[in-house]
Protein backbone atom coordinates (compact mmCIF):
# COMPACT_ATOMS: atom_id res chain seq x y z
CA MET A 1 105.86 85.58 95.27
CA GLY A 2 106.17 89.31 95.89
CA TRP A 3 103.64 92.10 95.87
CA THR A 4 104.07 95.50 94.28
CA ILE A 5 103.22 98.44 96.52
CA GLU A 6 101.70 101.45 94.76
CA TYR A 7 100.72 104.76 96.31
CA ASP A 8 97.87 107.01 95.19
CA ARG A 9 98.92 110.61 94.39
CA ARG A 10 96.93 111.90 97.37
CA VAL A 11 98.78 109.50 99.66
CA LEU A 12 102.14 110.83 98.54
CA LYS A 13 100.91 114.38 99.19
CA ASP A 14 99.66 113.41 102.66
CA MET A 15 102.91 111.57 103.46
CA ASN A 16 104.94 114.71 102.74
CA LYS A 17 103.08 116.40 105.62
CA LEU A 18 104.20 113.72 108.10
CA ASP A 19 107.38 113.69 110.14
CA GLN A 20 110.25 111.98 108.31
CA SER A 21 110.56 109.26 110.95
CA VAL A 22 106.87 108.39 110.50
CA GLN A 23 107.30 108.39 106.72
CA ARG A 24 110.24 105.98 107.03
CA GLN A 25 108.26 103.74 109.42
CA ILE A 26 105.36 103.51 106.95
CA LEU A 27 107.57 102.85 103.91
CA ASP A 28 109.62 100.26 105.81
CA TYR A 29 106.46 98.48 106.92
CA PHE A 30 105.26 98.05 103.35
CA ASP A 31 108.72 97.15 102.01
CA ASP A 32 109.62 94.69 104.78
CA CYS A 33 106.27 93.10 105.70
CA ILE A 34 103.73 93.46 102.91
CA ALA A 35 105.78 93.35 99.67
CA PRO A 36 107.60 90.04 100.31
CA SER A 37 104.57 88.33 101.88
CA SER A 38 102.70 85.55 100.11
CA ASN A 39 99.44 86.82 101.65
CA PRO A 40 99.25 90.55 102.51
CA ARG A 41 95.84 90.04 104.12
CA ARG A 42 97.34 88.29 107.14
CA PHE A 43 98.83 91.58 108.36
CA GLY A 44 95.68 93.67 107.99
CA LYS A 45 91.98 93.73 108.65
CA SER A 46 89.13 94.00 106.18
CA LEU A 47 86.99 97.10 106.51
CA LYS A 48 83.22 97.38 106.44
CA SER A 49 80.55 99.95 105.68
CA ARG A 50 81.61 102.63 103.21
CA PHE A 51 85.15 101.19 103.16
CA SER A 52 83.93 97.72 102.16
CA GLY A 53 86.42 95.90 99.96
CA LEU A 54 89.40 97.76 101.41
CA TRP A 55 92.00 96.62 103.94
CA ARG A 56 93.48 98.45 106.92
CA TYR A 57 97.05 98.14 108.18
CA ARG A 58 98.16 99.45 111.59
CA ILE A 59 101.50 101.20 111.62
CA GLY A 60 101.96 102.65 115.09
CA ASP A 61 99.38 105.43 115.54
CA TYR A 62 98.84 105.62 111.78
CA ARG A 63 96.60 103.62 109.49
CA ALA A 64 97.01 102.73 105.83
CA ILE A 65 93.87 101.94 103.86
CA CYS A 66 94.60 99.78 100.84
CA ARG A 67 92.98 98.02 97.91
CA ILE A 68 94.44 94.57 97.20
CA GLU A 69 94.43 93.56 93.54
CA ASP A 70 95.05 89.79 93.56
CA GLU A 71 95.18 89.28 89.79
CA LYS A 72 98.01 91.84 89.40
CA LEU A 73 99.72 91.23 92.78
CA ILE A 74 99.37 94.91 93.68
CA VAL A 75 98.62 96.54 97.02
CA LEU A 76 97.36 100.05 96.25
CA VAL A 77 97.60 102.43 99.21
CA VAL A 78 94.64 104.81 98.88
CA ARG A 79 94.91 106.67 102.20
CA ILE A 80 97.33 107.14 105.07
CA GLY A 81 96.64 109.14 108.19
CA HIS A 82 96.54 109.29 111.95
CA ARG A 83 94.11 106.79 113.42
CA SER A 84 91.90 109.59 114.76
CA ARG A 85 91.35 111.13 111.32
CA VAL A 86 91.93 108.55 108.59
CA TYR A 87 88.35 107.27 108.48
CA LYS A 88 86.63 110.68 108.47
CA LYS A 89 86.93 111.74 104.80
CA PRO A 90 85.46 109.56 102.03
CA VAL A 91 87.90 107.56 99.91
């Protein structure tokens, strides 16, 4: 069973601002670890408070905040950013 990885438009815009090596690291993480996994939750951590219902993945010093849609087998990446800033703006 494989998962489809989808990226929000804002995520793609934010990724273009990152260094190409960081972009590759993030894309490789989702392609190699999350997409082929039978359970993408085992790699991440559920978030609380205003991010309730979302999942966080650690990719070096960067964080990806995602919504997991079980019925469609989709992991929707809604935000990517440096760990010091990713939680500051509302989703």
